[in-house]
Amino acid sequence: MDTNKFNATNYNDWLRNLRIVLDFKNQGYVLDKPLPTALSEGSSHEERLTFDKWLEDNRKVRSIILASMTNEIRSNMIGLRMFPG
């Protein structure tokens, strides 16, 4: 990701590389699947695990995405609430 940082002109190449990295880490699903349904008192153990895993993977993916941008673009994105979590 260091050699192909997103610079606003290379979106397709950047996204392809990002997906390769995230798929390798088994975290690509975060880009495609929404946040699981909010937990309630009646949520099962499995639902809680799924919810917690999605939040943790989302946090990691967010960091990877920000790290894969040029400094200028990253500085414009850091304050935005683009992702839950």
N, C-alpha and C. Protein backbone atom coordinates (compact mmCIF):
# COMPACT_ATOMS: atom_id res chain seq x y z
N MET A 1 0.82 -1.19 0.00
CA MET A 1 0.00 0.00 0.00
C MET A 1 0.87 1.26 0.00
N ASP A 2 2.11 1.15 0.42
CA ASP A 2 2.98 2.33 0.47
C ASP A 2 3.29 2.90 -0.90
N THR A 3 3.40 2.04 -1.89
CA THR A 3 3.79 2.52 -3.22
C THR A 3 2.61 2.95 -4.07
N ASN A 4 1.41 2.72 -3.62
CA ASN A 4 0.24 3.07 -4.42
C ASN A 4 -0.80 3.78 -3.56
N LYS A 5 -0.36 4.81 -2.84
CA LYS A 5 -1.28 5.55 -1.98
C LYS A 5 -2.31 6.28 -2.81
N PHE A 6 -3.52 6.37 -2.28
CA PHE A 6 -4.58 7.09 -2.98
C PHE A 6 -4.21 8.57 -3.05
N ASN A 7 -4.26 9.11 -4.29
CA ASN A 7 -3.88 10.51 -4.50
C ASN A 7 -4.94 11.29 -5.27
N ALA A 8 -6.13 10.75 -5.38
CA ALA A 8 -7.28 11.36 -6.08
C ALA A 8 -7.25 11.14 -7.58
N THR A 9 -6.18 10.54 -8.11
CA THR A 9 -6.14 10.26 -9.55
C THR A 9 -6.03 8.76 -9.83
N ASN A 10 -5.86 7.96 -8.80
CA ASN A 10 -5.60 6.53 -8.99
C ASN A 10 -6.60 5.65 -8.23
N TYR A 11 -7.84 6.08 -8.17
CA TYR A 11 -8.84 5.39 -7.36
C TYR A 11 -8.96 3.90 -7.69
N ASN A 12 -9.07 3.55 -8.96
CA ASN A 12 -9.28 2.15 -9.33
C ASN A 12 -8.11 1.27 -8.90
N ASP A 13 -6.88 1.72 -9.14
CA ASP A 13 -5.70 0.96 -8.72
C ASP A 13 -5.63 0.86 -7.20
N TRP A 14 -5.90 1.99 -6.53
CA TRP A 14 -5.85 2.01 -5.07
C TRP A 14 -6.89 1.06 -4.47
N LEU A 15 -8.11 1.10 -5.00
CA LEU A 15 -9.17 0.24 -4.47
C LEU A 15 -8.85 -1.23 -4.70
N ARG A 16 -8.32 -1.56 -5.86
CA ARG A 16 -7.95 -2.94 -6.15
C ARG A 16 -6.90 -3.42 -5.14
N ASN A 17 -5.88 -2.60 -4.90
CA ASN A 17 -4.85 -2.98 -3.93
C ASN A 17 -5.40 -3.06 -2.51
N LEU A 18 -6.27 -2.12 -2.16
CA LEU A 18 -6.89 -2.14 -0.83
C LEU A 18 -7.67 -3.43 -0.63
N ARG A 19 -8.46 -3.81 -1.61
CA ARG A 19 -9.25 -5.05 -1.50
C ARG A 19 -8.35 -6.29 -1.38
N ILE A 20 -7.23 -6.29 -2.08
CA ILE A 20 -6.30 -7.42 -1.97
C ILE A 20 -5.81 -7.54 -0.53
N VAL A 21 -5.39 -6.42 0.04
CA VAL A 21 -4.89 -6.43 1.42
C VAL A 21 -5.98 -6.85 2.40
N LEU A 22 -7.17 -6.27 2.25
CA LEU A 22 -8.25 -6.58 3.19
C LEU A 22 -8.73 -8.02 3.04
N ASP A 23 -8.77 -8.53 1.81
CA ASP A 23 -9.16 -9.93 1.62
C ASP A 23 -8.13 -10.86 2.25
N PHE A 24 -6.85 -10.52 2.14
CA PHE A 24 -5.80 -11.32 2.77
C PHE A 24 -6.00 -11.37 4.29
N LYS A 25 -6.43 -10.27 4.86
CA LYS A 25 -6.65 -10.18 6.30
C LYS A 25 -8.06 -10.64 6.72
N ASN A 26 -8.84 -11.13 5.76
CA ASN A 26 -10.23 -11.55 6.01
C ASN A 26 -11.07 -10.42 6.59
N GLN A 27 -10.83 -9.20 6.11
CA GLN A 27 -11.57 -8.04 6.59
C GLN A 27 -12.29 -7.29 5.46
N GLY A 28 -12.21 -7.79 4.25
CA GLY A 28 -12.84 -7.13 3.11
C GLY A 28 -14.35 -7.01 3.25
N TYR A 29 -14.95 -7.89 4.02
CA TYR A 29 -16.40 -7.86 4.19
C TYR A 29 -16.89 -6.54 4.78
N VAL A 30 -16.03 -5.86 5.53
CA VAL A 30 -16.43 -4.60 6.16
C VAL A 30 -16.81 -3.55 5.12
N LEU A 31 -16.19 -3.61 3.94
CA LEU A 31 -16.52 -2.66 2.88
C LEU A 31 -17.87 -2.95 2.26
N ASP A 32 -18.30 -4.20 2.32
CA ASP A 32 -19.49 -4.62 1.59
C ASP A 32 -20.72 -4.88 2.46
N LYS A 33 -20.50 -5.20 3.72
CA LYS A 33 -21.62 -5.54 4.60
C LYS A 33 -21.85 -4.42 5.61
N PRO A 34 -23.10 -4.08 5.85
CA PRO A 34 -23.39 -3.02 6.83
C PRO A 34 -23.13 -3.50 8.26
N LEU A 35 -23.06 -2.55 9.15
CA LEU A 35 -22.95 -2.86 10.57
C LEU A 35 -24.09 -3.79 10.95
N PRO A 36 -23.79 -4.88 11.66
CA PRO A 36 -24.87 -5.78 12.08
C PRO A 36 -25.90 -5.04 12.93
N THR A 37 -27.07 -5.61 13.02
CA THR A 37 -28.16 -5.04 13.80
C THR A 37 -27.69 -4.74 15.22
N ALA A 38 -28.13 -3.61 15.73
CA ALA A 38 -27.75 -3.21 17.08
C ALA A 38 -28.13 -4.30 18.08
N LEU A 39 -27.31 -4.44 19.08
CA LEU A 39 -27.55 -5.45 20.10
C LEU A 39 -28.65 -5.01 21.06
N SER A 40 -29.31 -5.99 21.61
CA SER A 40 -30.33 -5.74 22.64
C SER A 40 -30.08 -6.73 23.77
N GLU A 41 -30.87 -6.62 24.81
CA GLU A 41 -30.72 -7.56 25.93
C GLU A 41 -30.96 -8.99 25.49
N GLY A 42 -31.78 -9.16 24.46
CA GLY A 42 -32.10 -10.50 23.99
C GLY A 42 -31.16 -11.04 22.93
N SER A 43 -30.12 -10.29 22.60
CA SER A 43 -29.18 -10.74 21.57
C SER A 43 -28.44 -11.99 22.03
N SER A 44 -28.26 -12.90 21.09
CA SER A 44 -27.56 -14.15 21.41
C SER A 44 -26.05 -13.90 21.52
N HIS A 45 -25.38 -14.87 22.08
CA HIS A 45 -23.92 -14.80 22.20
C HIS A 45 -23.29 -14.67 20.81
N GLU A 46 -23.80 -15.42 19.86
CA GLU A 46 -23.27 -15.37 18.49
C GLU A 46 -23.48 -13.98 17.87
N GLU A 47 -24.64 -13.38 18.10
CA GLU A 47 -24.90 -12.03 17.59
C GLU A 47 -23.94 -11.01 18.21
N ARG A 48 -23.66 -11.19 19.49
CA ARG A 48 -22.72 -10.29 20.16
C ARG A 48 -21.31 -10.45 19.60
N LEU A 49 -20.90 -11.69 19.38
CA LEU A 49 -19.57 -11.93 18.80
C LEU A 49 -19.46 -11.34 17.40
N THR A 50 -20.50 -11.53 16.59
CA THR A 50 -20.51 -10.99 15.23
C THR A 50 -20.44 -9.47 15.25
N PHE A 51 -21.22 -8.86 16.11
CA PHE A 51 -21.24 -7.40 16.23
C PHE A 51 -19.88 -6.87 16.67
N ASP A 52 -19.30 -7.47 17.70
CA ASP A 52 -18.00 -7.04 18.21
C ASP A 52 -16.90 -7.23 17.18
N LYS A 53 -16.95 -8.36 16.45
CA LYS A 53 -15.93 -8.61 15.42
C LYS A 53 -16.03 -7.58 14.31
N TRP A 54 -17.26 -7.25 13.89
CA TRP A 54 -17.42 -6.25 12.83
C TRP A 54 -16.87 -4.91 13.28
N LEU A 55 -17.16 -4.49 14.52
CA LEU A 55 -16.64 -3.22 15.03
C LEU A 55 -15.12 -3.21 15.06
N GLU A 56 -14.52 -4.29 15.53
CA GLU A 56 -13.06 -4.37 15.60
C GLU A 56 -12.44 -4.37 14.20
N ASP A 57 -12.99 -5.17 13.30
CA ASP A 57 -12.47 -5.20 11.93
C ASP A 57 -12.68 -3.85 11.24
N ASN A 58 -13.80 -3.20 11.50
CA ASN A 58 -14.05 -1.88 10.93
C ASN A 58 -12.99 -0.88 11.39
N ARG A 59 -12.64 -0.92 12.66
CA ARG A 59 -11.61 -0.03 13.19
C ARG A 59 -10.28 -0.27 12.49
N LYS A 60 -9.93 -1.53 12.29
CA LYS A 60 -8.68 -1.86 11.61
C LYS A 60 -8.70 -1.43 10.15
N VAL A 61 -9.82 -1.68 9.48
CA VAL A 61 -9.95 -1.30 8.06
C VAL A 61 -9.86 0.21 7.92
N ARG A 62 -10.51 0.93 8.81
CA ARG A 62 -10.43 2.39 8.79
C ARG A 62 -8.98 2.86 8.86
N SER A 63 -8.20 2.25 9.72
CA SER A 63 -6.79 2.61 9.86
C SER A 63 -6.01 2.28 8.59
N ILE A 64 -6.28 1.13 8.01
CA ILE A 64 -5.60 0.75 6.77
C ILE A 64 -5.96 1.73 5.65
N ILE A 65 -7.23 2.09 5.55
CA ILE A 65 -7.66 3.03 4.52
C ILE A 65 -6.95 4.37 4.70
N LEU A 66 -6.94 4.89 5.91
CA LEU A 66 -6.28 6.18 6.15
C LEU A 66 -4.78 6.10 5.88
N ALA A 67 -4.15 5.00 6.25
CA ALA A 67 -2.72 4.85 6.03
C ALA A 67 -2.38 4.71 4.55
N SER A 68 -3.36 4.36 3.74
CA SER A 68 -3.10 4.14 2.32
C SER A 68 -3.43 5.37 1.47
N MET A 69 -3.57 6.53 2.11
CA MET A 69 -3.83 7.78 1.41
C MET A 69 -2.63 8.70 1.54
N THR A 70 -2.51 9.63 0.61
CA THR A 70 -1.46 10.64 0.75
C THR A 70 -1.75 11.47 1.99
N ASN A 71 -0.73 12.12 2.52
CA ASN A 71 -0.89 12.93 3.72
C ASN A 71 -1.96 14.00 3.54
N GLU A 72 -1.99 14.64 2.39
CA GLU A 72 -2.96 15.70 2.13
C GLU A 72 -4.40 15.18 2.20
N ILE A 73 -4.65 14.07 1.54
CA ILE A 73 -6.01 13.51 1.54
C ILE A 73 -6.36 12.99 2.93
N ARG A 74 -5.42 12.32 3.57
CA ARG A 74 -5.67 11.78 4.92
C ARG A 74 -6.03 12.90 5.90
N SER A 75 -5.33 14.02 5.82
CA SER A 75 -5.60 15.11 6.76
C SER A 75 -7.01 15.66 6.58
N ASN A 76 -7.56 15.56 5.38
CA ASN A 76 -8.93 16.00 5.13
C ASN A 76 -9.96 14.98 5.60
N MET A 77 -9.57 13.74 5.77
CA MET A 77 -10.49 12.66 6.12
C MET A 77 -10.55 12.36 7.61
N ILE A 78 -9.49 12.61 8.32
CA ILE A 78 -9.39 12.14 9.70
C ILE A 78 -10.54 12.65 10.58
N GLY A 79 -10.96 13.88 10.41
CA GLY A 79 -12.03 14.42 11.25
C GLY A 79 -13.43 14.00 10.85
N LEU A 80 -13.57 13.39 9.69
CA LEU A 80 -14.89 12.99 9.22
C LEU A 80 -15.36 11.71 9.89
N ARG A 81 -16.64 11.61 10.15
CA ARG A 81 -17.22 10.37 10.68
C ARG A 81 -17.72 9.56 9.49
N MET A 82 -16.78 9.02 8.73
CA MET A 82 -17.13 8.27 7.53
C MET A 82 -17.62 6.87 7.87
N PHE A 83 -17.22 6.37 9.01
CA PHE A 83 -17.50 4.99 9.36
C PHE A 83 -18.03 4.95 10.79
N PRO A 84 -18.90 4.00 11.08
CA PRO A 84 -19.29 3.84 12.48
C PRO A 84 -18.13 3.29 13.30
N GLY A 85 -18.15 3.53 14.57
CA GLY A 85 -17.15 2.93 15.45
C GLY A 85 -16.11 3.82 15.91
